[in-house]
Every structure is written in C-alpha cells, then in structure tokens.
Amino acid sequence: MKHTATLLAMALAFALAGCNTVKGVGQDVQRAGGAIERAAK
C-alpha cells in the first residue's frame, strides 16, 4: 500500500510539472505571435 501511494504521488507530481511546461510553451508561442503581428503592421 505504501509503495502504491508513493507511485501515485510521483505520477501526480510529473503530471503537474508537465502541465506547467505546456502552459509555458503556449505563452511563449503567444508572445512570438504578437511580435510577428506587430512587425507586420
């Protein structure tokens, strides 16, 4: 039981870290798109 709880906690930590990474990439792409849009004007 203790082993299962540890694995579950580790999986949750990796999932949360992955979400933050994907969110950060999305923000970077959004900023780059804004810069391209301003340059086009």
PDB file of N, CA and C in Angstrom:
ATOM      1  N   MET A   1       0.828  -1.203   0.000  1.00  0.00           N
ATOM      2  CA  MET A   1       0.000   0.000   0.000  1.00  0.00           C
ATOM      3  C   MET A   1       0.865   1.257   0.000  1.00  0.00           C
ATOM      4  N   LYS A   2       1.919   1.236   0.811  1.00  0.00           N
ATOM      5  CA  LYS A   2       2.807   2.395   0.899  1.00  0.00           C
ATOM      6  C   LYS A   2       3.507   2.641  -0.442  1.00  0.00           C
ATOM      7  N   HIS A   3       3.876   1.562  -1.094  1.00  0.00           N
ATOM      8  CA  HIS A   3       4.540   1.654  -2.403  1.00  0.00           C
ATOM      9  C   HIS A   3       3.599   2.261  -3.447  1.00  0.00           C
ATOM     10  N   THR A   4       2.350   1.866  -3.432  1.00  0.00           N
ATOM     11  CA  THR A   4       1.356   2.381  -4.369  1.00  0.00           C
ATOM     12  C   THR A   4       1.117   3.868  -4.152  1.00  0.00           C
ATOM     13  N   ALA A   5       1.051   4.286  -2.892  1.00  0.00           N
ATOM     14  CA  ALA A   5       0.842   5.703  -2.584  1.00  0.00           C
ATOM     15  C   ALA A   5       2.022   6.545  -3.075  1.00  0.00           C
ATOM     16  N   THR A   6       3.224   6.010  -2.920  1.00  0.00           N
ATOM     17  CA  THR A   6       4.413   6.727  -3.387  1.00  0.00           C
ATOM     18  C   THR A   6       4.395   6.881  -4.905  1.00  0.00           C
ATOM     19  N   LEU A   7       4.052   5.808  -5.593  1.00  0.00           N
ATOM     20  CA  LEU A   7       3.987   5.877  -7.056  1.00  0.00           C
ATOM     21  C   LEU A   7       2.912   6.850  -7.521  1.00  0.00           C
ATOM     22  N   LEU A   8       1.776   6.849  -6.840  1.00  0.00           N
ATOM     23  CA  LEU A   8       0.698   7.762  -7.192  1.00  0.00           C
ATOM     24  C   LEU A   8       1.126   9.220  -6.990  1.00  0.00           C
ATOM     25  N   ALA A   9       1.809   9.493  -5.883  1.00  0.00           N
ATOM     26  CA  ALA A   9       2.285  10.851  -5.611  1.00  0.00           C
ATOM     27  C   ALA A   9       3.300  11.294  -6.669  1.00  0.00           C
ATOM     28  N   MET A  10       4.183  10.390  -7.066  1.00  0.00           N
ATOM     29  CA  MET A  10       5.178  10.735  -8.091  1.00  0.00           C
ATOM     30  C   MET A  10       4.502  10.994  -9.436  1.00  0.00           C
ATOM     31  N   ALA A  11       3.505  10.197  -9.786  1.00  0.00           N
ATOM     32  CA  ALA A  11       2.794  10.390 -11.044  1.00  0.00           C
ATOM     33  C   ALA A  11       2.074  11.737 -11.053  1.00  0.00           C
ATOM     34  N   LEU A  12       1.477  12.080  -9.926  1.00  0.00           N
ATOM     35  CA  LEU A  12       0.787  13.367  -9.818  1.00  0.00           C
ATOM     36  C   LEU A  12       1.766  14.526  -9.971  1.00  0.00           C
ATOM     37  N   ALA A  13       2.932  14.411  -9.352  1.00  0.00           N
ATOM     38  CA  ALA A  13       3.944  15.464  -9.456  1.00  0.00           C
ATOM     39  C   ALA A  13       4.406  15.637 -10.906  1.00  0.00           C
ATOM     40  N   PHE A  14       4.633  14.533 -11.609  1.00  0.00           N
ATOM     41  CA  PHE A  14       5.052  14.627 -13.011  1.00  0.00           C
ATOM     42  C   PHE A  14       3.947  15.223 -13.881  1.00  0.00           C
ATOM     43  N   ALA A  15       2.705  14.876 -13.596  1.00  0.00           N
ATOM     44  CA  ALA A  15       1.588  15.411 -14.377  1.00  0.00           C
ATOM     45  C   ALA A  15       1.481  16.921 -14.186  1.00  0.00           C
ATOM     46  N   LEU A  16       1.616  17.375 -12.955  1.00  0.00           N
ATOM     47  CA  LEU A  16       1.535  18.813 -12.693  1.00  0.00           C
ATOM     48  C   LEU A  16       2.704  19.563 -13.331  1.00  0.00           C
ATOM     49  N   ALA A  17       3.886  18.975 -13.284  1.00  0.00           N
ATOM     50  CA  ALA A  17       5.050  19.607 -13.916  1.00  0.00           C
ATOM     51  C   ALA A  17       4.853  19.686 -15.420  1.00  0.00           C
ATOM     52  N   GLY A  18       4.273  18.661 -16.010  1.00  0.00           N
ATOM     53  CA  GLY A  18       4.006  18.653 -17.451  1.00  0.00           C
ATOM     54  C   GLY A  18       3.017  19.730 -17.839  1.00  0.00           C
ATOM     55  N   CYS A  19       2.004  19.933 -17.032  1.00  0.00           N
ATOM     56  CA  CYS A  19       1.006  20.968 -17.321  1.00  0.00           C
ATOM     57  C   CYS A  19       1.645  22.352 -17.305  1.00  0.00           C
ATOM     58  N   ASN A  20       2.508  22.583 -16.332  1.00  0.00           N
ATOM     59  CA  ASN A  20       3.180  23.883 -16.250  1.00  0.00           C
ATOM     60  C   ASN A  20       4.079  24.102 -17.458  1.00  0.00           C
ATOM     61  N   THR A  21       4.743  23.057 -17.901  1.00  0.00           N
ATOM     62  CA  THR A  21       5.630  23.173 -19.059  1.00  0.00           C
ATOM     63  C   THR A  21       4.827  23.493 -20.313  1.00  0.00           C
ATOM     64  N   VAL A  22       3.746  22.792 -20.523  1.00  0.00           N
ATOM     65  CA  VAL A  22       2.913  23.028 -21.707  1.00  0.00           C
ATOM     66  C   VAL A  22       2.335  24.437 -21.661  1.00  0.00           C
ATOM     67  N   LYS A  23       1.922  24.881 -20.488  1.00  0.00           N
ATOM     68  CA  LYS A  23       1.379  26.231 -20.354  1.00  0.00           C
ATOM     69  C   LYS A  23       2.447  27.260 -20.706  1.00  0.00           C
ATOM     70  N   GLY A  24       3.676  27.043 -20.259  1.00  0.00           N
ATOM     71  CA  GLY A  24       4.775  27.962 -20.553  1.00  0.00           C
ATOM     72  C   GLY A  24       5.079  28.032 -22.038  1.00  0.00           C
ATOM     73  N   VAL A  25       5.060  26.894 -22.702  1.00  0.00           N
ATOM     74  CA  VAL A  25       5.301  26.864 -24.150  1.00  0.00           C
ATOM     75  C   VAL A  25       4.196  27.624 -24.865  1.00  0.00           C
ATOM     76  N   GLY A  26       2.959  27.450 -24.427  1.00  0.00           N
ATOM     77  CA  GLY A  26       1.843  28.170 -25.035  1.00  0.00           C
ATOM     78  C   GLY A  26       1.987  29.669 -24.895  1.00  0.00           C
ATOM     79  N   GLN A  27       2.443  30.104 -23.743  1.00  0.00           N
ATOM     80  CA  GLN A  27       2.643  31.544 -23.532  1.00  0.00           C
ATOM     81  C   GLN A  27       3.755  32.070 -24.422  1.00  0.00           C
ATOM     82  N   ASP A  28       4.831  31.293 -24.576  1.00  0.00           N
ATOM     83  CA  ASP A  28       5.931  31.715 -25.446  1.00  0.00           C
ATOM     84  C   ASP A  28       5.475  31.842 -26.893  1.00  0.00           C
ATOM     85  N   VAL A  29       4.684  30.887 -27.360  1.00  0.00           N
ATOM     86  CA  VAL A  29       4.184  30.920 -28.736  1.00  0.00           C
ATOM     87  C   VAL A  29       3.262  32.122 -28.920  1.00  0.00           C
ATOM     88  N   GLN A  30       2.460  32.402 -27.905  1.00  0.00           N
ATOM     89  CA  GLN A  30       1.549  33.547 -27.981  1.00  0.00           C
ATOM     90  C   GLN A  30       2.335  34.858 -28.080  1.00  0.00           C
ATOM     91  N   ARG A  31       3.390  34.988 -27.305  1.00  0.00           N
ATOM     92  CA  ARG A  31       4.223  36.202 -27.364  1.00  0.00           C
ATOM     93  C   ARG A  31       4.902  36.338 -28.725  1.00  0.00           C
ATOM     94  N   ALA A  32       5.379  35.225 -29.260  1.00  0.00           N
ATOM     95  CA  ALA A  32       6.026  35.270 -30.569  1.00  0.00           C
ATOM     96  C   ALA A  32       5.012  35.682 -31.634  1.00  0.00           C
ATOM     97  N   GLY A  33       3.802  35.172 -31.542  1.00  0.00           N
ATOM     98  CA  GLY A  33       2.764  35.555 -32.496  1.00  0.00           C
ATOM     99  C   GLY A  33       2.435  37.031 -32.401  1.00  0.00           C
ATOM    100  N   GLY A  34       2.428  37.571 -31.195  1.00  0.00           N
ATOM    101  CA  GLY A  34       2.182  39.006 -31.016  1.00  0.00           C
ATOM    102  C   GLY A  34       3.288  39.845 -31.634  1.00  0.00           C
ATOM    103  N   ALA A  35       4.523  39.390 -31.475  1.00  0.00           N
ATOM    104  CA  ALA A  35       5.666  40.113 -32.051  1.00  0.00           C
ATOM    105  C   ALA A  35       5.597  40.093 -33.574  1.00  0.00           C
ATOM    106  N   ILE A  36       5.230  38.963 -34.151  1.00  0.00           N
ATOM    107  CA  ILE A  36       5.091  38.864 -35.614  1.00  0.00           C
ATOM    108  C   ILE A  36       3.969  39.782 -36.099  1.00  0.00           C
ATOM    109  N   GLU A  37       2.880  39.806 -35.366  1.00  0.00           N
ATOM    110  CA  GLU A  37       1.748  40.646 -35.742  1.00  0.00           C
ATOM    111  C   GLU A  37       2.131  42.128 -35.703  1.00  0.00           C
ATOM    112  N   ARG A  38       2.853  42.528 -34.673  1.00  0.00           N
ATOM    113  CA  ARG A  38       3.293  43.938 -34.587  1.00  0.00           C
ATOM    114  C   ARG A  38       4.270  44.280 -35.706  1.00  0.00           C
ATOM    115  N   ALA A  39       5.136  43.351 -36.053  1.00  0.00           N
ATOM    116  CA  ALA A  39       6.094  43.594 -37.123  1.00  0.00           C
ATOM    117  C   ALA A  39       5.383  43.716 -38.474  1.00  0.00           C
ATOM    118  N   ALA A  40       4.292  42.974 -38.644  1.00  0.00           N
ATOM    119  CA  ALA A  40       3.554  43.021 -39.896  1.00  0.00           C
ATOM    120  C   ALA A  40       2.832  44.344 -40.077  1.00  0.00           C
ATOM    121  N   LYS A  41       2.448  44.989 -38.983  1.00  0.00           N
ATOM    122  CA  LYS A  41       1.758  46.270 -39.063  1.00  0.00           C
ATOM    123  C   LYS A  41       2.762  47.335 -39.384  1.00  0.00           C
TER     124      LYS A  41
END
